[in-house]
Amino acid sequence: MLKFLFPTDFNCLLCGRELREKSRYGLCSNCYQKQEAIERGCLKCGKMLTAEAEYCSECQNTERVFDRAIAPFVYSGAISNFVMDLKFNNKRYLAEYMAKIMTDKLLREEIAADLLLPVPLHKNREKKRGYNQSALLGKEIATRLNLPYMPFVAERTKDTLTSSTLEGGRKAREENMKDAFVIKDPSAVKNKVVLVVDDVLTTGATADELSRALKKAGAKRVYVLTFASTREKKPILTENRDLLLLK
């Protein structure tokens, strides 16, 4: 009834122009093509690679707990606006279109799972926001993939700080997320392949900590699916590398 009263599929979600033909993703072809899709991502965290390698520099030097993460887009421009609008501006209708893109990405990567679990919010934050954006995405994706949707298996028991307020990079985020999750029903994930859904992957600290709790509870493998992920950080180059080596 709400879709009938407030249709969202006649105009492009980005430019607002009338769609000449029905669009699966709610975007006109021009706007869709402008977005930075991840065609070649890190085989571990899924971030867009900046060098000719299979793994990003961070995954080469950091032990990940999740088995693999993927995302269809780089977290920038209009894509970051999508994430912010869903998360903070109550534009819940975006979840349907974002979930379609995420589902198609997962199918292209031929990743299969036994159940789907959205990254939980702490009860204080969810009460303040009114909803969990990851749960909105997760429910849509689970329906499309015909997967058991289990949002209550995990609980966020630690009211972590917002990542954007932290200083100290990955280390600070890992410390912030430490022991943040509890698996309330270990039997539900034991020997299962779990698909974790979130809106965006930055350092991967949240995904790692939830994966750690899931594997401790007996999960066989953990895959992470997000709408976007940050780009691999480019290595710092100096004008005089020989001088740096001498130092």
Protein backbone atom coordinates (compact mmCIF):
# COMPACT_ATOMS: atom_id res chain seq x y z
CA MET A 1 0.00 0.00 0.00
CA LEU A 2 2.85 2.38 0.85
CA LYS A 3 4.54 1.61 -2.48
CA PHE A 4 1.25 2.45 -4.23
CA LEU A 5 0.86 5.74 -2.36
CA PHE A 6 4.54 6.73 -2.53
CA PRO A 7 6.03 5.10 -5.66
CA THR A 8 9.84 5.26 -5.97
CA ASP A 9 10.34 3.50 -9.29
CA PHE A 10 9.34 6.24 -11.76
CA ASN A 11 12.30 8.56 -11.22
CA CYS A 12 16.02 7.97 -10.87
CA LEU A 13 17.02 7.85 -7.20
CA LEU A 14 20.05 10.04 -7.89
CA CYS A 15 19.30 12.62 -10.57
CA GLY A 16 15.52 12.57 -10.13
CA ARG A 17 14.82 12.40 -13.85
CA GLU A 18 11.96 10.28 -15.09
CA LEU A 19 13.02 6.77 -15.97
CA ARG A 20 12.34 5.97 -19.62
CA GLU A 21 12.12 2.28 -18.79
CA LYS A 22 11.79 0.28 -15.59
CA SER A 23 15.10 0.06 -13.75
CA ARG A 24 16.00 -2.86 -11.50
CA TYR A 25 18.23 -0.67 -9.36
CA GLY A 26 16.15 2.52 -9.40
CA LEU A 27 18.84 4.38 -11.36
CA CYS A 28 18.96 5.67 -14.90
CA SER A 29 21.70 4.13 -17.04
CA ASN A 30 23.71 7.37 -16.97
CA CYS A 31 23.80 7.57 -13.16
CA TYR A 32 24.50 3.86 -12.75
CA GLN A 33 27.47 3.98 -15.11
CA LYS A 34 28.94 6.93 -13.23
CA GLN A 35 29.27 4.92 -10.01
CA GLU A 36 32.62 3.29 -9.27
CA ALA A 37 31.94 -0.42 -9.38
CA ILE A 38 34.48 -2.83 -7.90
CA GLU A 39 35.45 -5.03 -10.82
CA ARG A 40 38.73 -6.28 -9.35
CA GLY A 41 38.70 -6.43 -5.57
CA CYS A 42 41.00 -7.89 -2.93
CA LEU A 43 40.33 -11.61 -2.66
CA LYS A 44 40.02 -11.23 1.12
CA CYS A 45 38.40 -7.90 2.04
CA GLY A 46 36.96 -7.03 -1.38
CA LYS A 47 38.38 -3.49 -1.56
CA MET A 48 39.18 -1.99 -4.94
CA LEU A 49 42.82 -2.76 -5.66
CA THR A 50 45.25 -0.02 -6.65
CA ALA A 51 48.08 -2.35 -7.66
CA GLU A 52 48.49 -5.50 -9.73
CA ALA A 53 48.00 -7.98 -6.90
CA GLU A 54 45.38 -10.41 -5.64
CA TYR A 55 45.31 -9.00 -2.11
CA CYS A 56 45.41 -5.42 -0.85
CA SER A 57 48.42 -4.26 1.16
CA GLU A 58 46.42 -4.32 4.40
CA CYS A 59 45.29 -7.94 3.98
CA GLN A 60 48.84 -8.93 3.09
CA ASN A 61 49.94 -7.67 6.49
CA THR A 62 46.83 -8.28 8.62
CA GLU A 63 45.21 -11.54 9.64
CA ARG A 64 41.51 -11.42 8.86
CA VAL A 65 38.97 -13.48 10.78
CA PHE A 66 36.24 -13.51 8.12
CA ASP A 67 36.86 -15.75 5.13
CA ARG A 68 36.00 -13.20 2.47
CA ALA A 69 34.21 -9.88 2.04
CA ILE A 70 32.72 -8.43 -1.14
CA ALA A 71 30.96 -5.21 -2.15
CA PRO A 72 29.62 -3.95 -5.48
CA PHE A 73 30.80 -0.32 -5.11
CA VAL A 74 33.60 1.88 -3.82
CA TYR A 75 32.48 4.02 -0.89
CA SER A 76 32.59 7.48 -2.49
CA GLY A 77 30.40 10.13 -4.10
CA ALA A 78 26.75 9.22 -4.63
CA ILE A 79 27.30 5.74 -3.19
CA SER A 80 28.34 7.18 0.16
CA ASN A 81 25.22 9.39 0.01
CA PHE A 82 23.09 6.25 -0.42
CA VAL A 83 24.65 4.76 2.71
CA MET A 84 24.22 7.95 4.74
CA ASP A 85 20.62 8.47 3.61
CA LEU A 86 19.67 4.92 4.56
CA LYS A 87 21.52 5.07 7.87
CA PHE A 88 20.74 8.55 9.14
CA ASN A 89 18.02 10.15 7.01
CA ASN A 90 15.30 7.50 7.38
CA LYS A 91 15.20 6.74 3.65
CA ARG A 92 14.39 3.10 4.29
CA TYR A 93 13.02 2.55 0.79
CA LEU A 94 16.63 2.64 -0.48
CA ALA A 95 17.27 -0.75 1.16
CA GLU A 96 15.24 -2.54 -1.52
CA TYR A 97 17.38 -1.21 -4.37
CA MET A 98 20.67 -1.51 -2.52
CA ALA A 99 19.82 -5.12 -1.63
CA LYS A 100 19.16 -5.97 -5.29
CA ILE A 101 22.62 -4.72 -6.26
CA MET A 102 24.23 -6.60 -3.36
CA THR A 103 22.38 -9.82 -4.16
CA ASP A 104 23.46 -9.69 -7.80
CA LYS A 105 27.07 -9.14 -6.75
CA LEU A 106 26.93 -12.15 -4.44
CA LEU A 107 25.48 -14.36 -7.18
CA ARG A 108 28.18 -13.28 -9.63
CA GLU A 109 30.84 -14.24 -7.10
CA GLU A 110 29.09 -17.62 -6.66
CA ILE A 111 29.18 -17.45 -2.86
CA ALA A 112 26.71 -19.69 -1.05
CA ALA A 113 25.70 -19.64 2.63
CA ASP A 114 23.44 -21.51 5.04
CA LEU A 115 21.99 -18.48 6.80
CA LEU A 116 22.09 -14.69 6.82
CA LEU A 117 22.90 -12.48 9.77
CA PRO A 118 22.84 -8.64 9.73
CA VAL A 119 25.41 -6.81 11.84
CA PRO A 120 23.47 -5.94 15.01
CA LEU A 121 23.25 -2.45 16.48
CA HIS A 122 23.45 -1.83 20.19
CA LYS A 123 19.94 -1.46 21.63
CA ASN A 124 20.61 2.16 22.64
CA ARG A 125 21.62 3.19 19.13
CA GLU A 126 18.81 1.25 17.47
CA LYS A 127 16.27 2.82 19.81
CA LYS A 128 17.59 6.29 18.98
CA ARG A 129 17.67 5.65 15.20
CA GLY A 130 14.46 3.66 15.12
CA TYR A 131 15.82 0.85 12.97
CA ASN A 132 18.94 -1.07 11.99
CA GLN A 133 19.94 -0.30 8.40
CA SER A 134 21.89 -3.57 8.13
CA ALA A 135 18.77 -5.49 9.15
CA LEU A 136 16.75 -3.75 6.42
CA LEU A 137 19.33 -4.82 3.84
CA GLY A 138 19.68 -8.30 5.31
CA LYS A 139 15.97 -9.05 5.28
CA GLU A 140 15.66 -8.04 1.62
CA ILE A 141 18.69 -10.12 0.60
CA ALA A 142 17.59 -13.17 2.60
CA THR A 143 14.21 -13.09 0.87
CA ARG A 144 15.81 -12.88 -2.58
CA LEU A 145 18.24 -15.72 -1.84
CA ASN A 146 15.69 -17.81 0.07
CA LEU A 147 18.08 -17.96 3.05
CA PRO A 148 17.11 -18.30 6.72
CA TYR A 149 17.16 -14.76 8.15
CA MET A 150 18.46 -14.81 11.74
CA PRO A 151 18.81 -11.28 13.15
CA PHE A 152 18.52 -12.38 16.78
CA VAL A 153 21.34 -14.94 16.80
CA ALA A 154 23.93 -12.25 17.60
CA GLU A 155 23.73 -9.33 20.01
CA ARG A 156 25.85 -6.22 20.27
CA THR A 157 26.49 -5.95 23.98
CA LYS A 158 29.03 -3.13 23.83
CA ASP A 159 27.87 0.37 22.90
CA THR A 160 30.87 1.14 20.72
CA LEU A 161 31.95 4.62 19.69
CA THR A 162 31.18 5.85 16.18
CA SER A 163 34.14 4.96 13.95
CA SER A 164 34.40 8.48 12.52
CA THR A 165 35.14 9.88 16.01
CA LEU A 166 38.10 7.58 16.58
CA GLU A 167 41.74 8.52 16.10
CA GLY A 168 44.51 6.00 15.67
CA GLY A 169 43.34 4.13 12.56
CA ARG A 170 42.70 0.41 12.49
CA LYS A 171 44.22 -0.27 15.91
CA ALA A 172 41.81 2.13 17.60
CA ARG A 173 38.84 0.59 15.77
CA GLU A 174 39.89 -2.92 16.75
CA GLU A 175 40.12 -1.89 20.40
CA ASN A 176 36.76 -0.14 20.15
CA MET A 177 35.13 -3.30 18.74
CA LYS A 178 36.82 -5.81 21.06
CA ASP A 179 34.28 -8.19 22.66
CA ALA A 180 31.40 -6.18 21.19
CA PHE A 181 29.32 -9.19 20.10
CA VAL A 182 27.79 -12.22 21.78
CA ILE A 183 26.25 -15.19 19.96
CA LYS A 184 23.05 -15.97 21.86
CA ASP A 185 22.29 -19.20 20.02
CA PRO A 186 25.53 -21.05 19.11
CA SER A 187 23.56 -24.07 17.85
CA ALA A 188 22.12 -21.93 15.05
CA VAL A 189 25.56 -21.25 13.55
CA LYS A 190 27.49 -24.41 14.49
CA ASN A 191 29.09 -25.96 11.38
CA LYS A 192 27.22 -23.45 9.21
CA VAL A 193 28.40 -21.02 6.53
CA VAL A 194 27.21 -17.59 7.67
CA LEU A 195 26.61 -14.58 5.44
CA VAL A 196 27.04 -11.34 7.40
CA VAL A 197 25.40 -8.24 5.89
CA ASP A 198 26.34 -4.62 6.59
CA ASP A 199 26.10 -1.31 4.75
CA VAL A 200 29.79 -0.46 4.36
CA LEU A 201 33.20 -1.98 5.11
CA THR A 202 35.97 0.43 6.11
CA THR A 203 38.80 -1.11 8.14
CA GLY A 204 36.91 -4.39 8.55
CA ALA A 205 37.22 -4.26 12.35
CA THR A 206 33.46 -4.75 12.88
CA ALA A 207 33.30 -7.65 10.42
CA ASP A 208 36.35 -9.28 12.01
CA GLU A 209 35.00 -9.02 15.55
CA LEU A 210 31.58 -10.42 14.65
CA SER A 211 33.28 -13.19 12.65
CA ARG A 212 35.45 -13.99 15.65
CA ALA A 213 32.37 -14.43 17.84
CA LEU A 214 30.66 -16.56 15.18
CA LYS A 215 33.65 -18.85 14.70
CA LYS A 216 34.09 -19.17 18.44
CA ALA A 217 30.47 -20.34 18.51
CA GLY A 218 31.28 -22.98 15.88
CA ALA A 219 30.58 -21.31 12.52
CA LYS A 220 32.32 -23.11 9.66
CA ARG A 221 32.95 -20.06 7.47
CA VAL A 222 31.92 -16.41 7.52
CA TYR A 223 31.39 -14.30 4.39
CA VAL A 224 30.69 -10.57 4.54
CA LEU A 225 28.53 -8.68 2.04
CA THR A 226 28.30 -4.89 2.08
CA PHE A 227 26.91 -2.28 -0.30
CA ALA A 228 30.25 -0.47 -0.47
CA SER A 229 33.80 -0.63 0.79
CA THR A 230 36.57 1.92 1.03
CA ARG A 231 39.36 1.89 -1.51
CA GLU A 232 42.71 0.28 -0.78
CA LYS A 233 45.08 2.88 0.62
CA LYS A 234 47.84 3.78 -1.79
CA PRO A 235 51.38 3.19 -0.50
CA ILE A 236 53.24 6.29 0.64
CA LEU A 237 55.88 7.23 -1.94
CA THR A 238 58.88 9.47 -1.36
CA GLU A 239 60.72 11.57 -3.91
CA ASN A 240 64.05 10.09 -2.87
CA ARG A 241 63.70 6.43 -1.89
CA ASP A 242 67.46 5.94 -1.72
CA LEU A 243 67.74 8.66 0.91
CA LEU A 244 64.96 6.99 2.91
CA LEU A 245 66.79 3.65 2.79
CA LEU A 246 70.02 5.27 4.02
CA LYS A 247 68.18 6.68 7.01
